[in-house]
PDB file of all heavy atoms in Angstrom:
ATOM      1  N   PRO A   1     -36.766   4.662  -0.683  1.00  0.00           N
ATOM      2  CA  PRO A   1     -37.587   5.670  -0.128  1.00  0.00           C
ATOM      3  C   PRO A   1     -37.898   5.414   1.362  1.00  0.00           C
ATOM      4  O   PRO A   1     -37.822   6.329   2.154  1.00  0.00           O
ATOM      5  CB  PRO A   1     -38.880   5.601  -0.932  1.00  0.00           C
ATOM      6  CG  PRO A   1     -38.455   5.090  -2.241  1.00  0.00           C
ATOM      7  CD  PRO A   1     -37.334   4.130  -1.961  1.00  0.00           C
ATOM      8  N   ASN A   2     -38.273   4.134   1.759  1.00  0.00           N
ATOM      9  CA  ASN A   2     -38.566   3.873   3.160  1.00  0.00           C
ATOM     10  C   ASN A   2     -37.360   4.051   3.989  1.00  0.00           C
ATOM     11  O   ASN A   2     -37.475   4.622   5.137  1.00  0.00           O
ATOM     12  CB  ASN A   2     -39.109   2.467   3.275  1.00  0.00           C
ATOM     13  CG  ASN A   2     -40.548   2.333   2.748  1.00  0.00           C
ATOM     14  OD1 ASN A   2     -41.202   3.294   2.471  1.00  0.00           O
ATOM     15  ND2 ASN A   2     -40.964   1.114   2.547  1.00  0.00           N
ATOM     16  N   ASN A   3     -36.267   3.651   3.548  1.00  0.00           N
ATOM     17  CA  ASN A   3     -34.970   3.722   4.364  1.00  0.00           C
ATOM     18  C   ASN A   3     -34.525   5.166   4.468  1.00  0.00           C
ATOM     19  O   ASN A   3     -33.943   5.596   5.503  1.00  0.00           O
ATOM     20  CB  ASN A   3     -33.879   2.829   3.789  1.00  0.00           C
ATOM     21  CG  ASN A   3     -34.186   1.350   3.913  1.00  0.00           C
ATOM     22  OD1 ASN A   3     -35.122   0.921   4.572  1.00  0.00           O
ATOM     23  ND2 ASN A   3     -33.420   0.525   3.235  1.00  0.00           N
ATOM     24  N   LYS A   4     -34.732   5.942   3.443  1.00  0.00           N
ATOM     25  CA  LYS A   4     -34.325   7.306   3.442  1.00  0.00           C
ATOM     26  C   LYS A   4     -34.987   8.060   4.578  1.00  0.00           C
ATOM     27  O   LYS A   4     -34.409   8.858   5.266  1.00  0.00           O
ATOM     28  CB  LYS A   4     -34.620   7.986   2.065  1.00  0.00           C
ATOM     29  CG  LYS A   4     -34.037   9.363   1.885  1.00  0.00           C
ATOM     30  CD  LYS A   4     -34.361   9.939   0.510  1.00  0.00           C
ATOM     31  CE  LYS A   4     -33.264   9.610  -0.373  1.00  0.00           C
ATOM     32  NZ  LYS A   4     -33.381  10.334  -1.664  1.00  0.00           N
ATOM     33  N   VAL A   5     -36.299   7.767   4.697  1.00  0.00           N
ATOM     34  CA  VAL A   5     -37.065   8.450   5.765  1.00  0.00           C
ATOM     35  C   VAL A   5     -36.596   7.961   7.182  1.00  0.00           C
ATOM     36  O   VAL A   5     -36.402   8.743   8.069  1.00  0.00           O
ATOM     37  CB  VAL A   5     -38.575   8.206   5.615  1.00  0.00           C
ATOM     38  CG1 VAL A   5     -39.389   8.662   6.788  1.00  0.00           C
ATOM     39  CG2 VAL A   5     -39.069   8.882   4.326  1.00  0.00           C
ATOM     40  N   LYS A   6     -36.442   6.632   7.267  1.00  0.00           N
ATOM     41  CA  LYS A   6     -36.028   6.014   8.572  1.00  0.00           C
ATOM     42  C   LYS A   6     -34.657   6.400   9.023  1.00  0.00           C
ATOM     43  O   LYS A   6     -34.389   6.554  10.242  1.00  0.00           O
ATOM     44  CB  LYS A   6     -36.191   4.494   8.485  1.00  0.00           C
ATOM     45  CG  LYS A   6     -37.701   4.025   8.375  1.00  0.00           C
ATOM     46  CD  LYS A   6     -37.748   2.574   8.175  1.00  0.00           C
ATOM     47  CE  LYS A   6     -39.241   2.212   7.938  1.00  0.00           C
ATOM     48  NZ  LYS A   6     -39.384   0.781   7.637  1.00  0.00           N
ATOM     49  N   LEU A   7     -33.719   6.513   8.087  1.00  0.00           N
ATOM     50  CA  LEU A   7     -32.388   6.852   8.438  1.00  0.00           C
ATOM     51  C   LEU A   7     -32.189   8.311   8.733  1.00  0.00           C
ATOM     52  O   LEU A   7     -31.374   8.717   9.617  1.00  0.00           O
ATOM     53  CB  LEU A   7     -31.434   6.492   7.306  1.00  0.00           C
ATOM     54  CG  LEU A   7     -31.153   4.979   7.155  1.00  0.00           C
ATOM     55  CD1 LEU A   7     -30.325   4.722   5.859  1.00  0.00           C
ATOM     56  CD2 LEU A   7     -30.412   4.405   8.375  1.00  0.00           C
ATOM     57  N   SER A   8     -32.927   9.147   8.122  1.00  0.00           N
ATOM     58  CA  SER A   8     -32.877  10.602   8.364  1.00  0.00           C
ATOM     59  C   SER A   8     -31.422  11.145   8.245  1.00  0.00           C
ATOM     60  O   SER A   8     -31.044  11.919   9.149  1.00  0.00           O
ATOM     61  CB  SER A   8     -33.611  11.015   9.618  1.00  0.00           C
ATOM     62  OG  SER A   8     -32.907  10.588  10.723  1.00  0.00           O
ATOM     63  N   ILE A   9     -30.738  10.698   7.246  1.00  0.00           N
ATOM     64  CA  ILE A   9     -29.377  11.182   7.056  1.00  0.00           C
ATOM     65  C   ILE A   9     -29.292  11.629   5.622  1.00  0.00           C
ATOM     66  O   ILE A   9     -29.817  10.998   4.703  1.00  0.00           O
ATOM     67  CB  ILE A   9     -28.369   9.958   7.235  1.00  0.00           C
ATOM     68  CG1 ILE A   9     -28.377   9.461   8.703  1.00  0.00           C
ATOM     69  CG2 ILE A   9     -26.937  10.372   6.858  1.00  0.00           C
ATOM     70  CD1 ILE A   9     -27.603   8.186   8.925  1.00  0.00           C
ATOM     71  N   ASP A  10     -28.501  12.675   5.387  1.00  0.00           N
ATOM     72  CA  ASP A  10     -28.186  13.066   4.006  1.00  0.00           C
ATOM     73  C   ASP A  10     -27.161  12.141   3.510  1.00  0.00           C
ATOM     74  O   ASP A  10     -25.955  12.360   3.634  1.00  0.00           O
ATOM     75  CB  ASP A  10     -27.753  14.520   3.993  1.00  0.00           C
ATOM     76  CG  ASP A  10     -27.481  15.007   2.539  1.00  0.00           C
ATOM     77  OD1 ASP A  10     -27.662  14.248   1.603  1.00  0.00           O
ATOM     78  OD2 ASP A  10     -27.197  16.195   2.408  1.00  0.00           O
ATOM     79  N   SER A  11     -27.598  11.020   2.833  1.00  0.00           N
ATOM     80  CA  SER A  11     -26.697   9.934   2.552  1.00  0.00           C
ATOM     81  C   SER A  11     -25.629  10.339   1.509  1.00  0.00           C
ATOM     82  O   SER A  11     -24.501   9.896   1.595  1.00  0.00           O
ATOM     83  CB  SER A  11     -27.459   8.708   2.033  1.00  0.00           C
ATOM     84  OG  SER A  11     -28.230   9.075   0.899  1.00  0.00           O
ATOM     85  N   GLU A  12     -26.040  11.166   0.571  1.00  0.00           N
ATOM     86  CA  GLU A  12     -25.082  11.546  -0.471  1.00  0.00           C
ATOM     87  C   GLU A  12     -23.940  12.383   0.115  1.00  0.00           C
ATOM     88  O   GLU A  12     -22.763  12.129  -0.121  1.00  0.00           O
ATOM     89  CB  GLU A  12     -25.791  12.377  -1.552  1.00  0.00           C
ATOM     90  CG  GLU A  12     -26.758  11.529  -2.386  1.00  0.00           C
ATOM     91  CD  GLU A  12     -27.472  12.339  -3.387  1.00  0.00           C
ATOM     92  OE1 GLU A  12     -27.224  13.597  -3.588  1.00  0.00           O
ATOM     93  OE2 GLU A  12     -28.438  11.799  -4.068  1.00  0.00           O
ATOM     94  N   LYS A  13     -24.296  13.234   0.979  1.00  0.00           N
ATOM     95  CA  LYS A  13     -23.262  14.078   1.647  1.00  0.00           C
ATOM     96  C   LYS A  13     -22.387  13.183   2.567  1.00  0.00           C
ATOM     97  O   LYS A  13     -21.168  13.373   2.510  1.00  0.00           O
ATOM     98  CB  LYS A  13     -23.907  15.192   2.532  1.00  0.00           C
ATOM     99  CG  LYS A  13     -22.940  16.116   3.253  1.00  0.00           C
ATOM    100  CD  LYS A  13     -23.712  17.179   4.057  1.00  0.00           C
ATOM    101  CE  LYS A  13     -22.729  17.943   4.862  1.00  0.00           C
ATOM    102  NZ  LYS A  13     -23.385  18.790   5.821  1.00  0.00           N
ATOM    103  N   PHE A  14     -22.988  12.389   3.329  1.00  0.00           N
ATOM    104  CA  PHE A  14     -22.285  11.430   4.173  1.00  0.00           C
ATOM    105  C   PHE A  14     -21.286  10.573   3.431  1.00  0.00           C
ATOM    106  O   PHE A  14     -20.145  10.474   3.782  1.00  0.00           O
ATOM    107  CB  PHE A  14     -23.239  10.585   5.058  1.00  0.00           C
ATOM    108  CG  PHE A  14     -22.577   9.554   5.898  1.00  0.00           C
ATOM    109  CD1 PHE A  14     -21.965   9.929   7.119  1.00  0.00           C
ATOM    110  CD2 PHE A  14     -22.494   8.249   5.517  1.00  0.00           C
ATOM    111  CE1 PHE A  14     -21.305   9.047   7.886  1.00  0.00           C
ATOM    112  CE2 PHE A  14     -21.897   7.255   6.302  1.00  0.00           C
ATOM    113  CZ  PHE A  14     -21.246   7.688   7.450  1.00  0.00           C
ATOM    114  N   CYS A  15     -21.769   9.974   2.369  1.00  0.00           N
ATOM    115  CA  CYS A  15     -20.928   9.050   1.568  1.00  0.00           C
ATOM    116  C   CYS A  15     -19.814   9.864   0.934  1.00  0.00           C
ATOM    117  O   CYS A  15     -18.656   9.353   0.845  1.00  0.00           O
ATOM    118  CB  CYS A  15     -21.720   8.347   0.489  1.00  0.00           C
ATOM    119  SG  CYS A  15     -22.877   7.118   1.160  1.00  0.00           S
ATOM    120  N   ALA A  16     -20.049  11.052   0.441  1.00  0.00           N
ATOM    121  CA  ALA A  16     -18.993  11.897  -0.154  1.00  0.00           C
ATOM    122  C   ALA A  16     -17.943  12.270   0.923  1.00  0.00           C
ATOM    123  O   ALA A  16     -16.741  12.198   0.591  1.00  0.00           O
ATOM    124  CB  ALA A  16     -19.603  13.158  -0.751  1.00  0.00           C
ATOM    125  N   GLU A  17     -18.365  12.578   2.058  1.00  0.00           N
ATOM    126  CA  GLU A  17     -17.436  12.883   3.147  1.00  0.00           C
ATOM    127  C   GLU A  17     -16.511  11.656   3.519  1.00  0.00           C
ATOM    128  O   GLU A  17     -15.308  11.833   3.677  1.00  0.00           O
ATOM    129  CB  GLU A  17     -18.085  13.373   4.414  1.00  0.00           C
ATOM    130  CG  GLU A  17     -18.701  14.761   4.343  1.00  0.00           C
ATOM    131  CD  GLU A  17     -19.540  15.150   5.534  1.00  0.00           C
ATOM    132  OE1 GLU A  17     -19.560  14.356   6.476  1.00  0.00           O
ATOM    133  OE2 GLU A  17     -20.124  16.250   5.566  1.00  0.00           O
ATOM    134  N   ILE A  18     -17.189  10.533   3.638  1.00  0.00           N
ATOM    135  CA  ILE A  18     -16.485   9.271   4.004  1.00  0.00           C
ATOM    136  C   ILE A  18     -15.444   8.925   2.887  1.00  0.00           C
ATOM    137  O   ILE A  18     -14.338   8.615   3.109  1.00  0.00           O
ATOM    138  CB  ILE A  18     -17.431   8.119   4.261  1.00  0.00           C
ATOM    139  CG1 ILE A  18     -18.306   8.435   5.500  1.00  0.00           C
ATOM    140  CG2 ILE A  18     -16.639   6.826   4.447  1.00  0.00           C
ATOM    141  CD1 ILE A  18     -17.468   8.582   6.792  1.00  0.00           C
ATOM    142  N   ARG A  19     -15.932   9.009   1.618  1.00  0.00           N
ATOM    143  CA  ARG A  19     -14.998   8.752   0.504  1.00  0.00           C
ATOM    144  C   ARG A  19     -13.820   9.744   0.449  1.00  0.00           C
ATOM    145  O   ARG A  19     -12.701   9.326   0.114  1.00  0.00           O
ATOM    146  CB  ARG A  19     -15.823   8.725  -0.828  1.00  0.00           C
ATOM    147  CG  ARG A  19     -16.651   7.539  -0.951  1.00  0.00           C
ATOM    148  CD  ARG A  19     -17.240   7.369  -2.374  1.00  0.00           C
ATOM    149  NE  ARG A  19     -17.904   6.130  -2.462  1.00  0.00           N
ATOM    150  CZ  ARG A  19     -19.196   5.879  -2.414  1.00  0.00           C
ATOM    151  NH1 ARG A  19     -19.980   6.915  -2.198  1.00  0.00           N
ATOM    152  NH2 ARG A  19     -19.697   4.729  -2.516  1.00  0.00           N
ATOM    153  N   GLU A  20     -14.074  10.976   0.810  1.00  0.00           N
ATOM    154  CA  GLU A  20     -12.971  11.923   0.854  1.00  0.00           C
ATOM    155  C   GLU A  20     -12.004  11.526   2.006  1.00  0.00           C
ATOM    156  O   GLU A  20     -10.826  11.657   1.836  1.00  0.00           O
ATOM    157  CB  GLU A  20     -13.539  13.328   1.099  1.00  0.00           C
ATOM    158  CG  GLU A  20     -12.527  14.446   1.081  1.00  0.00           C
ATOM    159  CD  GLU A  20     -13.091  15.794   1.234  1.00  0.00           C
ATOM    160  OE1 GLU A  20     -14.165  16.071   0.701  1.00  0.00           O
ATOM    161  OE2 GLU A  20     -12.492  16.612   1.902  1.00  0.00           O
ATOM    162  N   ASN A  21     -12.561  11.142   3.177  1.00  0.00           N
ATOM    163  CA  ASN A  21     -11.711  10.716   4.210  1.00  0.00           C
ATOM    164  C   ASN A  21     -10.920   9.461   3.885  1.00  0.00           C
ATOM    165  O   ASN A  21      -9.769   9.264   4.293  1.00  0.00           O
ATOM    166  CB  ASN A  21     -12.542  10.458   5.476  1.00  0.00           C
ATOM    167  CG  ASN A  21     -13.070  11.742   6.124  1.00  0.00           C
ATOM    168  OD1 ASN A  21     -14.301  11.739   6.440  1.00  0.00           O
ATOM    169  ND2 ASN A  21     -12.263  12.747   6.248  1.00  0.00           N
ATOM    170  N   ILE A  22     -11.547   8.590   3.110  1.00  0.00           N
ATOM    171  CA  ILE A  22     -10.849   7.366   2.637  1.00  0.00           C
ATOM    172  C   ILE A  22      -9.657   7.738   1.789  1.00  0.00           C
ATOM    173  O   ILE A  22      -8.571   7.174   1.902  1.00  0.00           O
ATOM    174  CB  ILE A  22     -11.806   6.371   1.962  1.00  0.00           C
ATOM    175  CG1 ILE A  22     -12.796   5.778   2.871  1.00  0.00           C
ATOM    176  CG2 ILE A  22     -11.026   5.310   1.190  1.00  0.00           C
ATOM    177  CD1 ILE A  22     -13.899   4.966   2.213  1.00  0.00           C
ATOM    178  N   SER A  23      -9.934   8.722   0.887  1.00  0.00           N
ATOM    179  CA  SER A  23      -8.835   9.178   0.001  1.00  0.00           C
ATOM    180  C   SER A  23      -7.713   9.777   0.839  1.00  0.00           C
ATOM    181  O   SER A  23      -6.546   9.528   0.563  1.00  0.00           O
ATOM    182  CB  SER A  23      -9.434  10.225  -0.958  1.00  0.00           C
ATOM    183  OG  SER A  23      -8.416  10.677  -1.822  1.00  0.00           O
ATOM    184  N   ASP A  24      -8.128  10.569   1.840  1.00  0.00           N
ATOM    185  CA  ASP A  24      -7.094  11.157   2.745  1.00  0.00           C
ATOM    186  C   ASP A  24      -6.302  10.100   3.506  1.00  0.00           C
ATOM    187  O   ASP A  24      -5.093  10.186   3.660  1.00  0.00           O
ATOM    188  CB  ASP A  24      -7.723  12.082   3.770  1.00  0.00           C
ATOM    189  CG  ASP A  24      -8.343  13.338   3.129  1.00  0.00           C
ATOM    190  OD1 ASP A  24      -7.992  13.641   1.948  1.00  0.00           O
ATOM    191  OD2 ASP A  24      -9.179  13.998   3.874  1.00  0.00           O
ATOM    192  N   LEU A  25      -6.937   9.007   3.906  1.00  0.00           N
ATOM    193  CA  LEU A  25      -6.323   7.938   4.572  1.00  0.00           C
ATOM    194  C   LEU A  25      -5.318   7.179   3.701  1.00  0.00           C
ATOM    195  O   LEU A  25      -4.236   6.873   4.128  1.00  0.00           O
ATOM    196  CB  LEU A  25      -7.376   6.945   5.176  1.00  0.00           C
ATOM    197  CG  LEU A  25      -6.848   5.783   5.991  1.00  0.00           C
ATOM    198  CD1 LEU A  25      -6.069   6.319   7.260  1.00  0.00           C
ATOM    199  CD2 LEU A  25      -8.010   4.899   6.426  1.00  0.00           C
ATOM    200  N   SER A  26      -5.752   6.959   2.476  1.00  0.00           N
ATOM    201  CA  SER A  26      -4.846   6.244   1.577  1.00  0.00           C
ATOM    202  C   SER A  26      -3.677   7.073   1.171  1.00  0.00           C
ATOM    203  O   SER A  26      -2.544   6.567   0.840  1.00  0.00           O
ATOM    204  CB  SER A  26      -5.607   5.744   0.320  1.00  0.00           C
ATOM    205  OG  SER A  26      -6.013   6.865  -0.462  1.00  0.00           O
ATOM    206  N   ASP A  27      -3.825   8.452   1.160  1.00  0.00           N
ATOM    207  CA  ASP A  27      -2.732   9.357   0.856  1.00  0.00           C
ATOM    208  C   ASP A  27      -1.848   9.656   2.103  1.00  0.00           C
ATOM    209  O   ASP A  27      -0.759  10.218   1.906  1.00  0.00           O
ATOM    210  CB  ASP A  27      -3.255  10.682   0.372  1.00  0.00           C
ATOM    211  CG  ASP A  27      -3.930  10.570  -1.014  1.00  0.00           C
ATOM    212  OD1 ASP A  27      -3.630   9.583  -1.667  1.00  0.00           O
ATOM    213  OD2 ASP A  27      -4.738  11.453  -1.404  1.00  0.00           O
ATOM    214  N   ALA A  28      -2.294   9.223   3.294  1.00  0.00           N
ATOM    215  CA  ALA A  28      -1.511   9.543   4.519  1.00  0.00           C
ATOM    216  C   ALA A  28      -0.219   8.867   4.476  1.00  0.00           C
ATOM    217  O   ALA A  28      -0.070   7.709   4.145  1.00  0.00           O
ATOM    218  CB  ALA A  28      -2.296   9.125   5.723  1.00  0.00           C
ATOM    219  N   LYS A  29       0.837   9.650   4.797  1.00  0.00           N
ATOM    220  CA  LYS A  29       2.273   9.113   4.792  1.00  0.00           C
ATOM    221  C   LYS A  29       2.724   8.790   6.158  1.00  0.00           C
ATOM    222  O   LYS A  29       3.419   7.769   6.433  1.00  0.00           O
ATOM    223  CB  LYS A  29       3.214  10.092   4.079  1.00  0.00           C
ATOM    224  CG  LYS A  29       2.754  10.473   2.653  1.00  0.00           C
ATOM    225  CD  LYS A  29       3.022   9.336   1.754  1.00  0.00           C
ATOM    226  CE  LYS A  29       2.736   9.760   0.307  1.00  0.00           C
ATOM    227  NZ  LYS A  29       2.145   8.749  -0.487  1.00  0.00           N
ATOM    228  N   THR A  30       2.443   9.654   7.139  1.00  0.00           N
ATOM    229  CA  THR A  30       2.979   9.503   8.479  1.00  0.00           C
ATOM    230  C   THR A  30       1.936   8.831   9.377  1.00  0.00           C
ATOM    231  O   THR A  30       0.756   8.853   9.109  1.00  0.00           O
ATOM    232  CB  THR A  30       3.364  10.887   9.140  1.00  0.00           C
ATOM    233  OG1 THR A  30       2.104  11.571   9.241  1.00  0.00           O
ATOM    234  CG2 THR A  30       4.295  11.660   8.217  1.00  0.00           C
ATOM    235  N   PRO A  31       2.408   8.159  10.390  1.00  0.00           N
ATOM    236  CA  PRO A  31       1.484   7.555  11.343  1.00  0.00           C
ATOM    237  C   PRO A  31       0.551   8.538  11.937  1.00  0.00           C
ATOM    238  O   PRO A  31      -0.633   8.235  12.219  1.00  0.00           O
ATOM    239  CB  PRO A  31       2.405   6.880  12.345  1.00  0.00           C
ATOM    240  CG  PRO A  31       3.670   6.681  11.692  1.00  0.00           C
ATOM    241  CD  PRO A  31       3.858   7.809  10.704  1.00  0.00           C
ATOM    242  N   ALA A  32       1.043   9.759  12.178  1.00  0.00           N
ATOM    243  CA  ALA A  32       0.093  10.848  12.749  1.00  0.00           C
ATOM    244  C   ALA A  32      -1.017  11.136  11.856  1.00  0.00           C
ATOM    245  O   ALA A  32      -2.189  11.265  12.280  1.00  0.00           O
ATOM    246  CB  ALA A  32       0.949  12.087  13.039  1.00  0.00           C
ATOM    247  N   GLU A  33      -0.733  11.246  10.534  1.00  0.00           N
ATOM    248  CA  GLU A  33      -1.859  11.523   9.528  1.00  0.00           C
ATOM    249  C   GLU A  33      -2.820  10.323   9.465  1.00  0.00           C
ATOM    250  O   GLU A  33      -4.032  10.549   9.420  1.00  0.00           O
ATOM    251  CB  GLU A  33      -1.193  11.712   8.141  1.00  0.00           C
ATOM    252  CG  GLU A  33      -0.472  13.026   7.998  1.00  0.00           C
ATOM    253  CD  GLU A  33       0.238  13.081   6.602  1.00  0.00           C
ATOM    254  OE1 GLU A  33       0.546  12.056   6.020  1.00  0.00           O
ATOM    255  OE2 GLU A  33       0.479  14.214   6.201  1.00  0.00           O
ATOM    256  N   LYS A  34      -2.291   9.112   9.501  1.00  0.00           N
ATOM    257  CA  LYS A  34      -3.148   7.910   9.475  1.00  0.00           C
ATOM    258  C   LYS A  34      -4.036   7.858  10.720  1.00  0.00           C
ATOM    259  O   LYS A  34      -5.236   7.560  10.623  1.00  0.00           O
ATOM    260  CB  LYS A  34      -2.305   6.659   9.446  1.00  0.00           C
ATOM    261  CG  LYS A  34      -1.531   6.477   8.133  1.00  0.00           C
ATOM    262  CD  LYS A  34      -0.633   5.224   8.200  1.00  0.00           C
ATOM    263  CE  LYS A  34       0.207   5.134   6.906  1.00  0.00           C
ATOM    264  NZ  LYS A  34       1.104   3.943   6.939  1.00  0.00           N
ATOM    265  N   LEU A  35      -3.464   8.192  11.845  1.00  0.00           N
ATOM    266  CA  LEU A  35      -4.193   8.145  13.081  1.00  0.00           C
ATOM    267  C   LEU A  35      -5.277   9.237  13.154  1.00  0.00           C
ATOM    268  O   LEU A  35      -6.434   8.981  13.501  1.00  0.00           O
ATOM    269  CB  LEU A  35      -3.216   8.376  14.271  1.00  0.00           C
ATOM    270  CG  LEU A  35      -3.731   8.097  15.627  1.00  0.00           C
ATOM    271  CD1 LEU A  35      -4.210   6.669  15.799  1.00  0.00           C
ATOM    272  CD2 LEU A  35      -2.625   8.397  16.680  1.00  0.00           C
ATOM    273  N   ARG A  36      -4.890  10.467  12.639  1.00  0.00           N
ATOM    274  CA  ARG A  36      -5.849  11.566  12.682  1.00  0.00           C
ATOM    275  C   ARG A  36      -7.079  11.209  11.750  1.00  0.00           C
ATOM    276  O   ARG A  36      -8.233  11.304  12.146  1.00  0.00           O
ATOM    277  CB  ARG A  36      -5.172  12.868  12.242  1.00  0.00           C
ATOM    278  CG  ARG A  36      -6.112  14.071  12.252  1.00  0.00           C
ATOM    279  CD  ARG A  36      -5.413  15.303  11.929  1.00  0.00           C
ATOM    280  NE  ARG A  36      -4.227  15.277  11.028  1.00  0.00           N
ATOM    281  CZ  ARG A  36      -4.271  15.192   9.669  1.00  0.00           C
ATOM    282  NH1 ARG A  36      -5.434  15.146   9.066  1.00  0.00           N
ATOM    283  NH2 ARG A  36      -3.106  15.133   9.008  1.00  0.00           N
ATOM    284  N   THR A  37      -6.788  10.772  10.551  1.00  0.00           N
ATOM    285  CA  THR A  37      -7.779  10.420   9.590  1.00  0.00           C
ATOM    286  C   THR A  37      -8.628   9.215  10.039  1.00  0.00           C
ATOM    287  O   THR A  37      -9.825   9.166   9.856  1.00  0.00           O
ATOM    288  CB  THR A  37      -7.173  10.212   8.195  1.00  0.00           C
ATOM    289  OG1 THR A  37      -6.343  11.283   7.816  1.00  0.00           O
ATOM    290  CG2 THR A  37      -8.286   9.967   7.167  1.00  0.00           C
ATOM    291  N   GLY A  38      -7.934   8.214  10.659  1.00  0.00           N
ATOM    292  CA  GLY A  38      -8.654   7.069  11.125  1.00  0.00           C
ATOM    293  C   GLY A  38      -9.612   7.453  12.232  1.00  0.00           C
ATOM    294  O   GLY A  38     -10.732   6.886  12.324  1.00  0.00           O
ATOM    295  N   ARG A  39      -9.191   8.295  13.129  1.00  0.00           N
ATOM    296  CA  ARG A  39     -10.165   8.801  14.169  1.00  0.00           C
ATOM    297  C   ARG A  39     -11.341   9.527  13.656  1.00  0.00           C
ATOM    298  O   ARG A  39     -12.467   9.333  14.098  1.00  0.00           O
ATOM    299  CB  ARG A  39      -9.313   9.634  15.174  1.00  0.00           C
ATOM    300  CG  ARG A  39      -8.393   8.865  16.049  1.00  0.00           C
ATOM    301  CD  ARG A  39      -7.590   9.705  16.906  1.00  0.00           C
ATOM    302  NE  ARG A  39      -6.751   8.880  17.800  1.00  0.00           N
ATOM    303  CZ  ARG A  39      -5.776   9.276  18.573  1.00  0.00           C
ATOM    304  NH1 ARG A  39      -5.486  10.622  18.574  1.00  0.00           N
ATOM    305  NH2 ARG A  39      -5.058   8.451  19.356  1.00  0.00           N
ATOM    306  N   VAL A  40     -11.075  10.356  12.533  1.00  0.00           N
ATOM    307  CA  VAL A  40     -12.225  11.061  12.002  1.00  0.00           C
ATOM    308  C   VAL A  40     -13.158  10.072  11.360  1.00  0.00           C
ATOM    309  O   VAL A  40     -14.428  10.174  11.574  1.00  0.00           O
ATOM    310  CB  VAL A  40     -11.703  12.084  10.948  1.00  0.00           C
ATOM    311  CG1 VAL A  40     -12.853  12.607  10.063  1.00  0.00           C
ATOM    312  CG2 VAL A  40     -10.954  13.177  11.668  1.00  0.00           C
ATOM    313  N   LEU A  41     -12.639   9.087  10.607  1.00  0.00           N
ATOM    314  CA  LEU A  41     -13.530   8.100  10.050  1.00  0.00           C
ATOM    315  C   LEU A  41     -14.285   7.303  11.008  1.00  0.00           C
ATOM    316  O   LEU A  41     -15.449   7.048  10.918  1.00  0.00           O
ATOM    317  CB  LEU A  41     -12.653   7.164   9.120  1.00  0.00           C
ATOM    318  CG  LEU A  41     -12.407   7.528   7.742  1.00  0.00           C
ATOM    319  CD1 LEU A  41     -11.308   6.720   7.095  1.00  0.00           C
ATOM    320  CD2 LEU A  41     -13.671   7.498   6.895  1.00  0.00           C
ATOM    321  N   HIS A  42     -13.570   6.932  12.081  1.00  0.00           N
ATOM    322  CA  HIS A  42     -14.209   6.111  13.162  1.00  0.00           C
ATOM    323  C   HIS A  42     -15.321   6.919  13.752  1.00  0.00           C
ATOM    324  O   HIS A  42     -16.446   6.361  13.953  1.00  0.00           O
ATOM    325  CB  HIS A  42     -13.143   5.780  14.203  1.00  0.00           C
ATOM    326  CG  HIS A  42     -13.640   4.824  15.303  1.00  0.00           C
ATOM    327  ND1 HIS A  42     -14.215   5.312  16.418  1.00  0.00           N
ATOM    328  CD2 HIS A  42     -13.729   3.490  15.342  1.00  0.00           C
ATOM    329  CE1 HIS A  42     -14.553   4.250  17.231  1.00  0.00           C
ATOM    330  NE2 HIS A  42     -14.317   3.159  16.549  1.00  0.00           N
ATOM    331  N   ALA A  43     -15.147   8.181  14.066  1.00  0.00           N
ATOM    332  CA  ALA A  43     -16.213   9.004  14.672  1.00  0.00           C
ATOM    333  C   ALA A  43     -17.376   9.156  13.763  1.00  0.00           C
ATOM    334  O   ALA A  43     -18.551   9.086  14.184  1.00  0.00           O
ATOM    335  CB  ALA A  43     -15.629  10.348  15.093  1.00  0.00           C
ATOM    336  N   LYS A  44     -17.110   9.436  12.457  1.00  0.00           N
ATOM    337  CA  LYS A  44     -18.228   9.603  11.526  1.00  0.00           C
ATOM    338  C   LYS A  44     -19.067   8.371  11.330  1.00  0.00           C
ATOM    339  O   LYS A  44     -20.280   8.410  11.345  1.00  0.00           O
ATOM    340  CB  LYS A  44     -17.723  10.141  10.178  1.00  0.00           C
ATOM    341  CG  LYS A  44     -17.259  11.555  10.198  1.00  0.00           C
ATOM    342  CD  LYS A  44     -16.815  11.990   8.796  1.00  0.00           C
ATOM    343  CE  LYS A  44     -16.311  13.380   8.812  1.00  0.00           C
ATOM    344  NZ  LYS A  44     -15.835  13.857   7.482  1.00  0.00           N
ATOM    345  N   ILE A  45     -18.404   7.280  11.189  1.00  0.00           N
ATOM    346  CA  ILE A  45     -19.146   6.010  10.934  1.00  0.00           C
ATOM    347  C   ILE A  45     -19.809   5.547  12.255  1.00  0.00           C
ATOM    348  O   ILE A  45     -20.955   5.132  12.207  1.00  0.00           O
ATOM    349  CB  ILE A  45     -18.212   4.932  10.369  1.00  0.00           C
ATOM    350  CG1 ILE A  45     -17.796   5.312   8.943  1.00  0.00           C
ATOM    351  CG2 ILE A  45     -18.879   3.549  10.412  1.00  0.00           C
ATOM    352  CD1 ILE A  45     -16.855   4.393   8.310  1.00  0.00           C
TER     353      ILE A  45
END
């Protein structure tokens, strides 16, 4: 509860998005896909 207020982030949504991006990264076949997904993950985190 204390951290939820201090972080002011929808943590469930954030974690779901990151997990989806992780799945996309592990499924990426080409370096371009890996790079694109890696950049998205880097920016979000």
